[in-house]
Amino acid sequence: MKTTKLPSAPPMEANDVAIVTGGTVVWLVGFVVLLPFHGWLADHGDTKWLWTCLAGFGLGLIGIWYCRARRDAIRRSQAAEAAGTAEAADASRAE
C-alpha cells in the first residue's frame, strides 16, 4: 500500500507574549500561595516547591523579554519587506 504525503500546514500564529505572561503569573501565584507555608514545608523537607515556583517566575520573566524581542523583530522584518516591495513597485511604475 502506498501512502501519499500531504503538504505541510503553515505555522500557526499565536500571541506568545500573552501565553508566556499567563504562565509566569501562574508561577508567581504558586509562590505567593506557598509562602505562608514556608515553615511547614521546611519541617517536611519540601521547600523545593517554594523555590521551584520562584525559579519558574524568574524564567518566565526571561521568557516574556525573549517573546517581546522576537515579536518586535518579526514586525520590523515584515515592515522592511513591505517597504522594499513598495519601493520596487514604485520603481517599476516610474519606468
C-alpha atoms as a PDB file:
ATOM      1  CA  MET A   1       0.000   0.000   0.000  1.00  0.00           C
ATOM      2  CA  LYS A   2       1.378   3.384  -0.991  1.00  0.00           C
ATOM      3  CA  THR A   3       0.938   6.405   1.262  1.00  0.00           C
ATOM      4  CA  THR A   4       0.753   9.923  -0.047  1.00  0.00           C
ATOM      5  CA  LYS A   5       2.447  12.797   1.661  1.00  0.00           C
ATOM      6  CA  LEU A   6       0.344  15.843   2.304  1.00  0.00           C
ATOM      7  CA  PRO A   7       1.908  19.287   2.163  1.00  0.00           C
ATOM      8  CA  SER A   8       2.901  20.790   5.485  1.00  0.00           C
ATOM      9  CA  ALA A   9       0.458  23.193   7.040  1.00  0.00           C
ATOM     10  CA  PRO A  10       1.659  26.765   7.513  1.00  0.00           C
ATOM     11  CA  PRO A  11       2.794  27.578  11.053  1.00  0.00           C
ATOM     12  CA  MET A  12       0.082  28.846  13.361  1.00  0.00           C
ATOM     13  CA  GLU A  13       0.444  32.312  14.758  1.00  0.00           C
ATOM     14  CA  ALA A  14      -0.252  32.745  18.459  1.00  0.00           C
ATOM     15  CA  ASN A  15       0.103  35.554  20.948  1.00  0.00           C
ATOM     16  CA  ASP A  16       3.276  34.173  22.532  1.00  0.00           C
ATOM     17  CA  VAL A  17       3.694  37.131  24.878  1.00  0.00           C
ATOM     18  CA  ALA A  18       0.245  36.577  26.401  1.00  0.00           C
ATOM     19  CA  ILE A  19       0.794  32.836  26.741  1.00  0.00           C
ATOM     20  CA  VAL A  20       4.174  33.213  28.463  1.00  0.00           C
ATOM     21  CA  THR A  21       2.853  36.041  30.650  1.00  0.00           C
ATOM     22  CA  GLY A  22      -0.037  33.834  31.766  1.00  0.00           C
ATOM     23  CA  GLY A  23       2.343  31.041  32.712  1.00  0.00           C
ATOM     24  CA  THR A  24       4.602  33.468  34.560  1.00  0.00           C
ATOM     25  CA  VAL A  25       1.654  34.773  36.569  1.00  0.00           C
ATOM     26  CA  VAL A  26       0.697  31.199  37.486  1.00  0.00           C
ATOM     27  CA  TRP A  27       4.221  30.569  38.842  1.00  0.00           C
ATOM     28  CA  LEU A  28       4.051  33.806  40.855  1.00  0.00           C
ATOM     29  CA  VAL A  29       0.644  32.873  42.286  1.00  0.00           C
ATOM     30  CA  GLY A  30       2.033  29.467  43.249  1.00  0.00           C
ATOM     31  CA  PHE A  31       4.926  31.129  45.059  1.00  0.00           C
ATOM     32  CA  VAL A  32       2.660  33.574  46.904  1.00  0.00           C
ATOM     33  CA  VAL A  33       0.252  30.782  47.898  1.00  0.00           C
ATOM     34  CA  LEU A  34       3.085  28.602  49.254  1.00  0.00           C
ATOM     35  CA  LEU A  35       4.947  31.428  51.013  1.00  0.00           C
ATOM     36  CA  PRO A  36       2.823  31.351  54.203  1.00  0.00           C
ATOM     37  CA  PHE A  37       3.531  27.616  54.453  1.00  0.00           C
ATOM     38  CA  HIS A  38       7.309  28.025  54.332  1.00  0.00           C
ATOM     39  CA  GLY A  39       7.727  26.769  57.907  1.00  0.00           C
ATOM     40  CA  TRP A  40       5.565  23.714  57.329  1.00  0.00           C
ATOM     41  CA  LEU A  41       7.348  22.970  54.056  1.00  0.00           C
ATOM     42  CA  ALA A  42      10.731  23.327  55.785  1.00  0.00           C
ATOM     43  CA  ASP A  43       9.667  20.940  58.569  1.00  0.00           C
ATOM     44  CA  HIS A  44       8.764  18.309  55.980  1.00  0.00           C
ATOM     45  CA  GLY A  45      11.768  18.932  53.694  1.00  0.00           C
ATOM     46  CA  ASP A  46       9.642  20.241  50.854  1.00  0.00           C
ATOM     47  CA  THR A  47      10.883  23.818  50.429  1.00  0.00           C
ATOM     48  CA  LYS A  48      11.833  22.844  46.876  1.00  0.00           C
ATOM     49  CA  TRP A  49       8.197  23.518  45.907  1.00  0.00           C
ATOM     50  CA  LEU A  50       8.506  27.123  47.013  1.00  0.00           C
ATOM     51  CA  TRP A  51      11.804  27.713  45.226  1.00  0.00           C
ATOM     52  CA  THR A  52      10.614  25.916  42.098  1.00  0.00           C
ATOM     53  CA  CYS A  53       7.754  28.417  41.841  1.00  0.00           C
ATOM     54  CA  LEU A  54      10.166  31.306  42.304  1.00  0.00           C
ATOM     55  CA  ALA A  55      12.509  29.896  39.649  1.00  0.00           C
ATOM     56  CA  GLY A  56       9.553  29.427  37.284  1.00  0.00           C
ATOM     57  CA  PHE A  57       8.591  33.055  37.798  1.00  0.00           C
ATOM     58  CA  GLY A  58      12.154  34.244  37.127  1.00  0.00           C
ATOM     59  CA  LEU A  59      12.468  32.144  33.984  1.00  0.00           C
ATOM     60  CA  GLY A  60       9.042  33.383  32.915  1.00  0.00           C
ATOM     61  CA  LEU A  61      10.300  36.966  33.090  1.00  0.00           C
ATOM     62  CA  ILE A  62      13.160  35.994  30.784  1.00  0.00           C
ATOM     63  CA  GLY A  63      10.625  34.300  28.504  1.00  0.00           C
ATOM     64  CA  ILE A  64       8.476  37.423  28.353  1.00  0.00           C
ATOM     65  CA  TRP A  65      11.508  39.509  27.420  1.00  0.00           C
ATOM     66  CA  TYR A  66      12.503  36.995  24.727  1.00  0.00           C
ATOM     67  CA  CYS A  67       8.993  36.747  23.232  1.00  0.00           C
ATOM     68  CA  ARG A  68       8.613  40.518  23.109  1.00  0.00           C
ATOM     69  CA  ALA A  69      12.003  40.932  21.424  1.00  0.00           C
ATOM     70  CA  ARG A  70      11.133  38.193  18.908  1.00  0.00           C
ATOM     71  CA  ARG A  71       7.720  39.729  18.166  1.00  0.00           C
ATOM     72  CA  ASP A  72       9.255  43.168  17.625  1.00  0.00           C
ATOM     73  CA  ALA A  73      11.975  41.743  15.339  1.00  0.00           C
ATOM     74  CA  ILE A  74       9.360  39.942  13.236  1.00  0.00           C
ATOM     75  CA  ARG A  75       7.345  43.156  12.917  1.00  0.00           C
ATOM     76  CA  ARG A  76      10.441  45.138  11.877  1.00  0.00           C
ATOM     77  CA  SER A  77      11.311  42.480   9.303  1.00  0.00           C
ATOM     78  CA  GLN A  78       7.801  42.498   7.869  1.00  0.00           C
ATOM     79  CA  ALA A  79       7.775  46.307   7.722  1.00  0.00           C
ATOM     80  CA  ALA A  80      11.141  46.374   5.950  1.00  0.00           C
ATOM     81  CA  GLU A  81       9.960  43.709   3.498  1.00  0.00           C
ATOM     82  CA  ALA A  82       6.773  45.660   2.795  1.00  0.00           C
ATOM     83  CA  ALA A  83       8.737  48.876   2.307  1.00  0.00           C
ATOM     84  CA  GLY A  84      11.117  47.115  -0.076  1.00  0.00           C
ATOM     85  CA  THR A  85       8.200  45.707  -2.073  1.00  0.00           C
ATOM     86  CA  ALA A  86       6.561  49.129  -2.224  1.00  0.00           C
ATOM     87  CA  GLU A  87       9.814  50.742  -3.462  1.00  0.00           C
ATOM     88  CA  ALA A  88      10.207  48.073  -6.141  1.00  0.00           C
ATOM     89  CA  ALA A  89       6.615  48.647  -7.307  1.00  0.00           C
ATOM     90  CA  ASP A  90       7.155  52.420  -7.442  1.00  0.00           C
ATOM     91  CA  ALA A  91      10.354  51.976  -9.433  1.00  0.00           C
ATOM     92  CA  SER A  92       8.646  49.730 -11.998  1.00  0.00           C
ATOM     93  CA  ARG A  93       5.814  52.279 -12.418  1.00  0.00           C
ATOM     94  CA  ALA A  94       8.283  55.098 -12.987  1.00  0.00           C
ATOM     95  CA  GLU A  95       9.782  53.280 -15.982  1.00  0.00           C
END
